[in-house]
């Protein structure tokens, strides 16, 4: 039986970027630039993975996000400005 993923907290800065470049999944989205994890694709848990939507916080501001880290994608459940 697989264990459910553990939640993590990641700090970084919000930015806009084109991700998965050169693939059928290429799209513009919000990312979290983190010192520890590098560039993480930022998606609200349960949200459309290909829709950019509104910025979760002002671009360039530092935030702390909590959620599930799946490779280089953070599916966040909460996000707060620092």
Protein backbone atom coordinates (compact mmCIF):
# COMPACT_ATOMS: atom_id res chain seq x y z
CA UNK A 1 0.00 0.00 0.00
CA UNK A 2 1.38 3.42 -0.96
CA UNK A 3 1.82 6.00 1.75
CA UNK A 4 0.10 9.35 1.14
CA UNK A 5 2.54 12.14 0.24
CA UNK A 6 3.78 14.29 3.12
CA UNK A 7 3.12 18.00 3.13
CA UNK A 8 6.10 20.33 2.83
CA UNK A 9 6.68 24.05 3.38
CA UNK A 10 8.72 25.87 0.76
CA UNK A 11 9.88 29.51 0.79
CA UNK A 12 10.70 31.45 -2.32
CA UNK A 13 9.72 34.23 -4.73
CA UNK A 14 6.76 34.23 -7.11
CA UNK A 15 7.58 34.57 -10.82
CA UNK A 16 5.97 33.91 -14.19
CA UNK A 17 7.65 31.42 -16.54
CA UNK A 18 7.08 29.16 -19.54
CA UNK A 19 7.38 25.57 -18.34
CA UNK A 20 7.69 22.20 -20.07
CA UNK A 21 9.12 24.03 -23.09
CA UNK A 22 9.24 22.03 -26.31
CA UNK A 23 6.52 19.57 -25.26
CA UNK A 24 2.78 19.35 -25.89
CA UNK A 25 2.39 20.51 -22.27
CA UNK A 26 4.29 23.81 -22.75
CA UNK A 27 2.49 26.70 -21.05
CA UNK A 28 2.96 29.96 -19.14
CA UNK A 29 2.36 29.62 -15.41
CA UNK A 30 3.37 30.82 -11.94
CA UNK A 31 6.50 29.37 -10.39
CA UNK A 32 8.16 29.53 -7.01
CA UNK A 33 11.90 30.32 -7.18
CA UNK A 34 13.31 28.55 -4.12
CA UNK A 35 16.94 28.37 -2.95
CA UNK A 36 16.48 24.82 -1.67
CA UNK A 37 14.34 23.34 -4.48
CA UNK A 38 15.09 25.56 -7.48
CA UNK A 39 12.20 26.51 -9.77
CA UNK A 40 8.95 24.81 -8.82
CA UNK A 41 5.78 24.89 -10.90
CA UNK A 42 3.14 26.29 -8.55
CA UNK A 43 -0.40 24.88 -8.78
CA UNK A 44 -3.26 25.15 -6.33
CA UNK A 45 -4.36 21.67 -5.24
CA UNK A 46 -7.46 20.82 -7.26
CA UNK A 47 -6.87 23.63 -9.79
CA UNK A 48 -6.53 23.30 -13.55
CA UNK A 49 -2.88 22.33 -14.19
CA UNK A 50 -2.75 24.18 -17.55
CA UNK A 51 -4.51 27.41 -16.60
CA UNK A 52 -2.30 30.20 -15.29
CA UNK A 53 -5.04 32.02 -13.41
CA UNK A 54 -4.44 34.95 -11.09
CA UNK A 55 -1.12 35.31 -9.32
CA UNK A 56 -1.22 33.63 -5.90
CA UNK A 57 0.73 36.68 -4.63
CA UNK A 58 2.43 39.71 -6.19
CA UNK A 59 5.19 38.65 -8.59
CA UNK A 60 8.59 39.10 -6.96
CA UNK A 61 7.33 38.90 -3.38
CA UNK A 62 8.58 36.27 -0.98
CA UNK A 63 6.08 33.64 0.14
CA UNK A 64 5.83 30.40 2.06
CA UNK A 65 3.71 27.71 0.43
CA UNK A 66 2.52 24.49 2.01
CA UNK A 67 1.48 21.50 -0.04
CA UNK A 68 2.63 18.39 -1.85
CA UNK A 69 5.94 18.30 -3.72
CA UNK A 70 5.63 16.10 -6.82
CA UNK A 71 8.93 16.23 -8.68
CA UNK A 72 9.36 19.88 -9.74
CA UNK A 73 5.71 20.80 -9.08
CA UNK A 74 4.31 22.10 -5.80
CA UNK A 75 0.57 21.55 -5.44
CA UNK A 76 -0.13 23.98 -2.66
CA UNK A 77 -2.93 23.99 -0.11
CA UNK A 78 -1.95 27.32 1.45
CA UNK A 79 0.31 30.22 0.57
CA UNK A 80 1.20 33.31 2.58
CA UNK A 81 3.33 36.40 2.02
CA UNK A 82 6.36 36.84 4.26
